Amino acid sequence: MFIFILGFVLLLSLLYASKKLYWSGTRCPSKDRMDDKIVVITGSNTGIGKYTAIELAKRGAHIILACRNQERAEAAKKEIQIKSNNNHIDIEILDTSSFQSVRECASRLKKRLPRIDVLINNAGVLTESHEKSIDGYEIHLATNHLVFNCQIHWDDINLEKESYTPFYIYARSKLANIMFTNELAKRLKGTNITANSLHPGVIKTDLGHNICGRYQHIFRLFLKILSPIIWIFFKNTEEGAQTTIYLASDINLDNVTGKYFSDCTEVQPSDKALNEQDNRRLWLLSEQMTKLNEV
């Protein structure tokens, strides 16, 4: 029995050490202040977005919470003000799945702000059902970026010709974010505007709250049972926000653009994200679908 208890204690100790030394990721190394900086964060009433807002507000930034739900945004605003001791927190209503909402929000921001120093495109969705946005596009494509997939199916933009697998489609949308950002950085070359993308890690957030449909209560119970394992191998929102905070605040990155980061370190993305021809094609098709040139 003693050997069993000793072994169990050693196992727990090793798992705890692996959590702290590896699975939790790297802490943001930058302590740079952001006084008078104007930061717009989409999807910032919960999860990574909210923690990022709290931390950047602590550094003196003026935070704009661009959120879909007014009530939740107001609650987040109060929490951020209290935790950061910074009252320069404002709200803009934004539904990233609606082109009209995005344009209206952009117009209001242009009128009320002298500039935007940092834009953090944090909002995202992961849902099980094959939904379409108000503009008629697949919901992951519309909300997460107006994006496509890891192996771009240019003839099936709305993903209507293949089986609908939420996690796979979500992963595609994230890759397309990187592709689009790389093309954006290329087009902004020679300006003082930079664009970078990042992987926050595998994180326990509310992002997948729509998964499993009517079996959602069973799914949540399953997650609770597995919570000790999830705690070890998944990051929490604070840990997941570190790379975002790093890219937004570190003055040594002011001239870094078109790069991909994970755990506060520049890393190489998938080869698919580095195909300049596909990146340009994605950009042009995005322009066409959003009617950007008509605005």
Protein backbone atom coordinates (compact mmCIF):
# COMPACT_ATOMS: atom_id res chain seq x y z
CA MET A 1 0.00 0.00 0.00
CA PHE A 2 2.83 2.39 0.87
CA ILE A 3 4.47 1.79 -2.53
CA PHE A 4 1.13 2.42 -4.26
CA ILE A 5 0.60 5.70 -2.40
CA LEU A 6 4.19 6.78 -3.07
CA GLY A 7 3.80 5.98 -6.77
CA PHE A 8 0.52 7.87 -6.93
CA VAL A 9 2.06 10.92 -5.25
CA LEU A 10 5.01 10.82 -7.63
CA LEU A 11 2.66 10.59 -10.61
CA LEU A 12 0.65 13.58 -9.42
CA SER A 13 3.86 15.51 -8.84
CA LEU A 14 5.08 14.77 -12.36
CA LEU A 15 1.75 15.76 -13.88
CA TYR A 16 1.70 18.99 -11.87
CA ALA A 17 5.28 19.78 -12.93
CA SER A 18 4.45 19.10 -16.59
CA LYS A 19 1.46 21.44 -16.29
CA LYS A 20 3.53 24.29 -14.89
CA LEU A 21 6.63 23.78 -17.02
CA TYR A 22 5.09 22.81 -20.37
CA TRP A 23 1.32 22.70 -20.83
CA SER A 24 0.70 26.14 -19.29
CA GLY A 25 2.87 27.75 -21.94
CA THR A 26 5.09 30.82 -21.64
CA ARG A 27 4.27 33.97 -19.72
CA CYS A 28 4.41 37.23 -21.65
CA PRO A 29 7.98 38.50 -21.16
CA SER A 30 7.08 42.12 -21.92
CA LYS A 31 6.31 44.58 -19.15
CA ASP A 32 5.98 47.54 -21.53
CA ARG A 33 3.32 50.11 -20.72
CA MET A 34 0.56 51.03 -23.18
CA ASP A 35 -0.43 54.44 -21.85
CA ASP A 36 -2.64 56.38 -24.30
CA LYS A 37 -2.71 53.45 -26.73
CA ILE A 38 -6.14 52.71 -28.23
CA VAL A 39 -6.86 48.99 -28.46
CA VAL A 40 -9.92 47.43 -30.11
CA ILE A 41 -10.60 43.80 -29.15
CA THR A 42 -13.39 41.78 -30.77
CA GLY A 43 -15.13 39.11 -28.70
CA SER A 44 -13.79 40.65 -25.49
CA ASN A 45 -16.64 40.03 -23.05
CA THR A 46 -15.37 36.54 -22.19
CA GLY A 47 -12.43 34.13 -22.41
CA ILE A 48 -9.10 35.14 -23.90
CA GLY A 49 -10.45 38.44 -25.17
CA LYS A 50 -11.58 39.58 -21.73
CA TYR A 51 -8.35 38.59 -20.00
CA THR A 52 -6.36 40.37 -22.72
CA ALA A 53 -8.47 43.47 -22.16
CA ILE A 54 -7.83 43.33 -18.41
CA GLU A 55 -4.07 43.00 -18.82
CA LEU A 56 -3.73 45.72 -21.47
CA ALA A 57 -5.96 48.02 -19.43
CA LYS A 58 -3.63 47.47 -16.46
CA ARG A 59 -0.84 48.76 -18.69
CA GLY A 60 -2.76 51.99 -19.32
CA ALA A 61 -4.44 51.29 -22.66
CA HIS A 62 -7.81 52.70 -23.71
CA ILE A 63 -9.82 49.55 -24.47
CA ILE A 64 -12.74 49.26 -26.90
CA LEU A 65 -14.75 46.09 -26.27
CA ALA A 66 -16.24 45.14 -29.64
CA CYS A 67 -18.92 42.63 -28.66
CA ARG A 68 -22.21 41.28 -29.96
CA ASN A 69 -24.21 41.30 -26.72
CA GLN A 70 -24.70 44.64 -24.96
CA GLU A 71 -25.58 43.16 -21.57
CA ARG A 72 -22.59 40.85 -21.45
CA ALA A 73 -20.33 43.62 -22.69
CA GLU A 74 -21.51 45.93 -19.91
CA ALA A 75 -20.82 43.25 -17.29
CA ALA A 76 -17.35 42.66 -18.77
CA LYS A 77 -16.66 46.40 -18.82
CA LYS A 78 -17.37 46.72 -15.10
CA GLU A 79 -15.19 43.73 -14.27
CA ILE A 80 -12.31 45.01 -16.40
CA GLN A 81 -12.51 48.48 -14.85
CA ILE A 82 -12.39 47.02 -11.34
CA LYS A 83 -9.56 44.56 -12.00
CA SER A 84 -7.43 46.99 -13.99
CA ASN A 85 -8.23 50.19 -12.07
CA ASN A 86 -8.69 51.80 -15.49
CA ASN A 87 -11.95 53.54 -16.41
CA HIS A 88 -11.01 54.06 -20.07
CA ILE A 89 -13.08 51.08 -21.21
CA ASP A 90 -15.73 51.59 -23.89
CA ILE A 91 -18.14 49.32 -25.77
CA GLU A 92 -18.96 48.98 -29.44
CA ILE A 93 -21.66 46.55 -30.56
CA LEU A 94 -20.33 44.27 -33.29
CA ASP A 95 -21.56 41.04 -34.87
CA THR A 96 -18.59 39.74 -36.84
CA SER A 97 -20.83 37.38 -38.85
CA SER A 98 -22.67 40.36 -40.40
CA PHE A 99 -21.00 42.56 -43.02
CA GLN A 100 -23.41 45.39 -42.25
CA SER A 101 -22.62 45.24 -38.53
CA VAL A 102 -18.88 45.27 -39.25
CA ARG A 103 -19.18 48.28 -41.55
CA GLU A 104 -21.39 50.19 -39.13
CA CYS A 105 -18.98 49.50 -36.26
CA ALA A 106 -16.00 50.59 -38.37
CA SER A 107 -17.82 53.80 -39.30
CA ARG A 108 -18.57 54.61 -35.65
CA LEU A 109 -15.00 53.89 -34.59
CA LYS A 110 -13.67 56.11 -37.36
CA LYS A 111 -15.81 59.00 -36.12
CA ARG A 112 -15.15 58.61 -32.39
CA LEU A 113 -11.44 57.69 -32.35
CA PRO A 114 -8.43 59.69 -33.52
CA ARG A 115 -6.69 56.41 -34.41
CA ILE A 116 -6.48 52.71 -33.56
CA ASP A 117 -3.09 51.57 -32.27
CA VAL A 118 -3.88 47.86 -31.90
CA LEU A 119 -6.67 45.76 -33.40
CA ILE A 120 -7.04 42.27 -31.93
CA ASN A 121 -9.32 40.05 -34.01
CA ASN A 122 -10.20 37.67 -31.21
CA ALA A 123 -13.89 36.84 -31.85
CA GLY A 124 -14.64 33.33 -33.05
CA VAL A 125 -17.31 30.67 -33.13
CA LEU A 126 -17.39 26.88 -33.00
CA THR A 127 -20.80 25.34 -33.59
CA GLU A 128 -22.06 21.90 -34.53
CA SER A 129 -24.90 22.85 -36.87
CA HIS A 130 -24.37 23.84 -40.48
CA GLU A 131 -25.57 27.42 -40.11
CA LYS A 132 -25.29 30.37 -42.45
CA SER A 133 -24.73 34.01 -41.60
CA ILE A 134 -27.19 36.76 -42.43
CA ASP A 135 -25.18 37.32 -45.60
CA GLY A 136 -25.57 33.69 -46.66
CA TYR A 137 -22.11 32.36 -45.84
CA GLU A 138 -21.15 29.36 -43.70
CA ILE A 139 -21.08 30.59 -40.10
CA HIS A 140 -17.45 29.65 -39.32
CA LEU A 141 -16.39 31.22 -42.59
CA ALA A 142 -18.33 34.41 -41.86
CA THR A 143 -17.61 34.83 -38.15
CA ASN A 144 -14.05 33.61 -37.79
CA HIS A 145 -12.77 35.41 -40.82
CA LEU A 146 -14.89 34.97 -43.94
CA VAL A 147 -12.59 32.06 -44.53
CA PHE A 148 -12.25 28.75 -46.23
CA ASN A 149 -10.32 25.62 -45.37
CA CYS A 150 -6.94 24.05 -44.84
CA GLN A 151 -6.92 22.59 -48.33
CA ILE A 152 -8.82 25.35 -50.07
CA HIS A 153 -11.89 24.05 -51.90
CA TRP A 154 -12.39 27.06 -54.12
CA ASP A 155 -15.50 25.53 -55.73
CA ASP A 156 -17.17 24.83 -52.36
CA ILE A 157 -16.81 28.04 -50.36
CA ASN A 158 -19.88 27.37 -48.21
CA LEU A 159 -18.85 23.76 -47.55
CA GLU A 160 -22.04 22.31 -48.97
CA LYS A 161 -20.50 19.45 -50.95
CA GLU A 162 -18.71 17.64 -48.14
CA SER A 163 -19.55 16.21 -44.72
CA TYR A 164 -19.83 18.89 -42.05
CA THR A 165 -17.31 18.29 -39.25
CA PRO A 166 -17.26 21.29 -36.86
CA PHE A 167 -13.77 20.90 -35.38
CA TYR A 168 -12.23 20.29 -38.80
CA ILE A 169 -14.01 23.27 -40.31
CA TYR A 170 -12.98 25.43 -37.35
CA ALA A 171 -9.36 24.40 -37.90
CA ARG A 172 -9.62 25.36 -41.55
CA SER A 173 -10.90 28.80 -40.63
CA LYS A 174 -7.93 29.34 -38.31
CA LEU A 175 -5.45 28.43 -41.03
CA ALA A 176 -7.13 30.86 -43.39
CA ASN A 177 -6.68 33.57 -40.75
CA ILE A 178 -2.94 33.02 -41.03
CA MET A 179 -3.05 33.04 -44.83
CA PHE A 180 -5.03 36.26 -44.90
CA THR A 181 -2.76 37.94 -42.34
CA ASN A 182 0.33 37.02 -44.35
CA GLU A 183 -1.18 38.62 -47.45
CA LEU A 184 -2.26 41.68 -45.45
CA ALA A 185 1.27 42.13 -44.11
CA LYS A 186 2.61 41.90 -47.65
CA ARG A 187 0.18 44.57 -48.88
CA LEU A 188 1.03 46.88 -45.96
CA LYS A 189 4.77 46.67 -46.57
CA GLY A 190 6.36 50.11 -46.41
CA THR A 191 3.76 51.52 -44.02
CA ASN A 192 3.95 51.74 -40.25
CA ILE A 193 1.18 49.14 -39.88
CA THR A 194 2.06 45.56 -38.96
CA ALA A 195 -0.04 42.39 -39.04
CA ASN A 196 0.77 39.14 -37.27
CA SER A 197 -1.12 35.98 -36.33
CA LEU A 198 -0.82 33.61 -33.39
CA HIS A 199 -1.83 30.28 -31.91
CA PRO A 200 -2.98 30.70 -28.28
CA GLY A 201 -2.81 26.97 -27.55
CA VAL A 202 -5.48 24.46 -26.58
CA ILE A 203 -7.65 26.34 -24.13
CA LYS A 204 -10.61 25.65 -21.91
CA THR A 205 -13.04 28.44 -22.87
CA ASP A 206 -16.73 28.86 -23.70
CA LEU A 207 -15.99 28.73 -27.43
CA GLY A 208 -17.48 25.26 -27.91
CA HIS A 209 -20.62 25.82 -25.83
CA ASN A 210 -22.79 25.12 -28.90
CA ILE A 211 -21.24 21.73 -29.58
CA CYS A 212 -23.34 18.55 -29.25
CA GLY A 213 -26.71 20.23 -29.68
CA ARG A 214 -29.43 18.56 -27.59
CA TYR A 215 -26.76 16.36 -25.96
CA GLN A 216 -24.96 19.43 -24.67
CA HIS A 217 -25.78 18.63 -21.01
CA ILE A 218 -24.18 15.20 -21.41
CA PHE A 219 -21.15 16.80 -23.05
CA ARG A 220 -20.79 19.27 -20.17
CA LEU A 221 -21.05 16.44 -17.62
CA PHE A 222 -18.38 14.55 -19.54
CA LEU A 223 -16.12 17.60 -19.38
CA LYS A 224 -16.62 17.88 -15.63
CA ILE A 225 -15.63 14.25 -15.16
CA LEU A 226 -12.51 14.88 -17.22
CA SER A 227 -11.77 18.22 -15.56
CA PRO A 228 -8.57 17.01 -13.80
CA ILE A 229 -7.14 15.87 -17.14
CA ILE A 230 -8.34 19.05 -18.86
CA TRP A 231 -6.66 21.14 -16.15
CA ILE A 232 -3.33 19.47 -16.90
CA PHE A 233 -3.34 19.48 -20.69
CA PHE A 234 -5.44 22.57 -21.47
CA LYS A 235 -4.55 26.20 -20.84
CA ASN A 236 -6.86 28.49 -18.93
CA THR A 237 -7.81 31.87 -20.39
CA GLU A 238 -5.00 33.68 -18.58
CA GLU A 239 -2.40 31.30 -19.99
CA GLY A 240 -3.99 31.40 -23.44
CA ALA A 241 -3.92 35.19 -23.58
CA GLN A 242 -0.16 35.56 -23.06
CA THR A 243 0.90 35.56 -26.71
CA THR A 244 -1.82 38.05 -27.63
CA ILE A 245 -0.67 40.35 -24.82
CA TYR A 246 2.92 39.95 -25.97
CA LEU A 247 2.20 40.91 -29.59
CA ALA A 248 0.05 43.86 -28.52
CA SER A 249 2.44 45.34 -25.97
CA ASP A 250 6.10 44.52 -26.68
CA ILE A 251 7.83 47.52 -28.27
CA ASN A 252 10.50 45.23 -29.71
CA LEU A 253 7.84 43.90 -32.10
CA ASP A 254 6.86 47.29 -33.49
CA ASN A 255 8.43 46.51 -36.87
CA VAL A 256 7.74 42.77 -36.97
CA THR A 257 5.08 41.83 -39.52
CA GLY A 258 3.76 38.82 -41.41
CA LYS A 259 4.90 36.40 -38.71
CA TYR A 260 3.22 33.62 -36.75
CA PHE A 261 3.65 33.19 -32.99
CA SER A 262 3.00 30.54 -30.36
CA ASP A 263 3.91 30.75 -26.67
CA CYS A 264 5.38 34.23 -27.21
CA THR A 265 7.82 32.86 -29.78
CA GLU A 266 7.94 33.22 -33.54
CA VAL A 267 7.33 29.82 -35.14
CA GLN A 268 6.88 28.44 -38.63
CA PRO A 269 3.24 27.95 -39.67
CA SER A 270 1.98 25.18 -41.93
CA ASP A 271 3.42 25.17 -45.45
CA LYS A 272 -0.15 25.73 -46.68
CA ALA A 273 -0.13 29.15 -45.01
CA LEU A 274 3.02 30.14 -46.90
CA ASN A 275 1.69 29.61 -50.41
CA GLU A 276 1.73 33.17 -51.74
CA GLN A 277 -0.47 32.33 -54.71
CA ASP A 278 -3.20 30.86 -52.49
CA ASN A 279 -2.87 33.73 -50.02
CA ARG A 280 -3.43 36.25 -52.80
CA ARG A 281 -6.34 34.24 -54.19
CA LEU A 282 -7.93 34.13 -50.74
CA TRP A 283 -7.55 37.88 -50.41
CA LEU A 284 -9.12 38.63 -53.79
CA LEU A 285 -12.01 36.25 -53.21
CA SER A 286 -12.59 37.78 -49.76
CA GLU A 287 -12.74 41.22 -51.37
CA GLN A 288 -15.30 39.92 -53.83
CA MET A 289 -17.48 38.19 -51.22
CA THR A 290 -17.50 41.15 -48.83
CA LYS A 291 -17.93 43.64 -51.70
CA LEU A 292 -15.08 45.59 -50.15
CA ASN A 293 -14.34 47.52 -53.33
CA GLU A 294 -17.93 48.80 -53.42
CA VAL A 295 -17.71 50.41 -49.97
